[in-house]
């Protein structure tokens, strides 16, 4: 982790499996990440999972990761896998990837 000003920097790759497509998971991830002032992206995967790359303040990244275990109403999260990721310095803001 790099020190980025006030807090520790962290980047994660998160994979969420279950009933997570067609239940506004990406849109709610986008809003949550933007509220936490994180950079990254979220996208649907062909196997029905959702993949997230998130980076920013360690505390905020941890809060988004915790949110992923529940997701929005209507979602059923069966499994969350995550790993540390390399920083993508080109990312500014959070968005949905198609």
Protein backbone atom coordinates (compact mmCIF):
# COMPACT_ATOMS: atom_id res chain seq x y z
CA UNK A 1 0.00 0.00 0.00
CA UNK A 2 1.18 3.46 -0.81
CA UNK A 3 0.70 6.45 1.42
CA UNK A 4 -1.59 8.88 -0.41
CA UNK A 5 -1.92 11.89 1.84
CA UNK A 6 -4.17 11.38 4.86
CA UNK A 7 -4.61 7.61 4.63
CA UNK A 8 -3.17 4.45 3.23
CA UNK A 9 -3.81 3.67 -0.42
CA UNK A 10 -5.29 0.32 -1.41
CA UNK A 11 -6.38 -1.29 -4.67
CA UNK A 12 -8.53 -4.43 -4.86
CA UNK A 13 -9.99 -6.69 -7.51
CA UNK A 14 -13.32 -8.02 -6.24
CA UNK A 15 -15.51 -10.75 -7.73
CA UNK A 16 -19.08 -11.14 -6.47
CA UNK A 17 -21.10 -14.25 -7.35
CA UNK A 18 -24.76 -15.07 -6.79
CA UNK A 19 -27.84 -13.31 -8.12
CA UNK A 20 -25.97 -10.10 -8.86
CA UNK A 21 -26.96 -9.31 -12.44
CA UNK A 22 -30.31 -7.74 -13.26
CA UNK A 23 -30.73 -6.43 -9.70
CA UNK A 24 -29.02 -3.02 -10.06
CA UNK A 25 -25.78 -4.30 -8.51
CA UNK A 26 -23.57 -2.30 -10.88
CA UNK A 27 -25.57 0.92 -10.46
CA UNK A 28 -25.55 0.61 -6.68
CA UNK A 29 -21.82 -0.20 -6.67
CA UNK A 30 -21.26 2.92 -8.76
CA UNK A 31 -23.20 5.11 -6.34
CA UNK A 32 -21.56 3.60 -3.26
CA UNK A 33 -18.06 3.98 -4.73
CA UNK A 34 -18.74 7.57 -5.82
CA UNK A 35 -20.10 8.41 -2.35
CA UNK A 36 -16.85 7.01 -0.91
CA UNK A 37 -14.78 9.01 -3.46
CA UNK A 38 -13.15 5.91 -4.91
CA UNK A 39 -11.69 5.32 -8.36
CA UNK A 40 -12.32 2.21 -10.43
CA UNK A 41 -14.94 0.33 -12.35
CA UNK A 42 -17.58 -2.41 -12.14
CA UNK A 43 -18.71 -4.80 -14.88
CA UNK A 44 -20.86 -7.87 -15.45
CA UNK A 45 -19.01 -11.06 -16.31
CA UNK A 46 -20.22 -13.67 -18.82
CA UNK A 47 -20.60 -16.28 -16.05
CA UNK A 48 -23.13 -14.14 -14.13
CA UNK A 49 -20.69 -12.68 -11.59
CA UNK A 50 -19.78 -9.02 -11.15
CA UNK A 51 -16.15 -7.86 -11.20
CA UNK A 52 -14.92 -4.68 -9.52
CA UNK A 53 -11.60 -2.88 -9.57
CA UNK A 54 -11.50 -0.29 -6.79
CA UNK A 55 -8.73 1.92 -5.48
CA UNK A 56 -8.36 4.75 -3.04
CA UNK A 57 -8.20 5.32 0.70
CA UNK A 58 -7.87 2.00 2.54
CA UNK A 59 -10.81 2.71 4.86
CA UNK A 60 -13.12 3.61 1.95
CA UNK A 61 -12.03 0.57 -0.07
CA UNK A 62 -12.75 -1.62 2.97
CA UNK A 63 -16.21 -0.06 3.30
CA UNK A 64 -17.02 -0.85 -0.34
CA UNK A 65 -15.75 -4.42 0.11
CA UNK A 66 -18.02 -4.84 3.17
CA UNK A 67 -20.97 -3.52 1.15
CA UNK A 68 -20.30 -6.15 -1.55
CA UNK A 69 -21.17 -8.94 0.89
CA UNK A 70 -24.76 -7.67 1.00
CA UNK A 71 -25.27 -5.68 -2.18
CA UNK A 72 -28.50 -3.91 -3.05
CA UNK A 73 -31.95 -5.19 -2.15
CA UNK A 74 -32.90 -7.89 -4.62
CA UNK A 75 -29.37 -9.26 -4.83
CA UNK A 76 -28.31 -12.56 -3.37
CA UNK A 77 -24.58 -12.66 -2.73
CA UNK A 78 -23.28 -16.22 -2.52
CA UNK A 79 -19.55 -15.56 -2.62
CA UNK A 80 -17.10 -12.65 -2.58
CA UNK A 81 -13.49 -13.18 -3.62
CA UNK A 82 -10.96 -10.39 -3.57
CA UNK A 83 -7.26 -9.84 -3.97
CA UNK A 84 -4.86 -6.95 -3.80
CA UNK A 85 -4.43 -5.30 -7.19
CA UNK A 86 -1.97 -2.98 -8.84
CA UNK A 87 -2.87 0.69 -8.94
CA UNK A 88 -4.21 1.93 -12.27
CA UNK A 89 -2.92 5.51 -12.30
CA UNK A 90 -5.10 6.33 -15.33
CA UNK A 91 -8.35 5.89 -13.39
CA UNK A 92 -10.15 9.06 -12.34
CA UNK A 93 -13.58 8.50 -10.85
CA UNK A 94 -15.67 5.36 -10.80
CA UNK A 95 -17.68 4.03 -13.74
CA UNK A 96 -19.54 1.06 -15.18
CA UNK A 97 -17.61 -0.90 -17.81
CA UNK A 98 -19.55 -2.59 -20.59
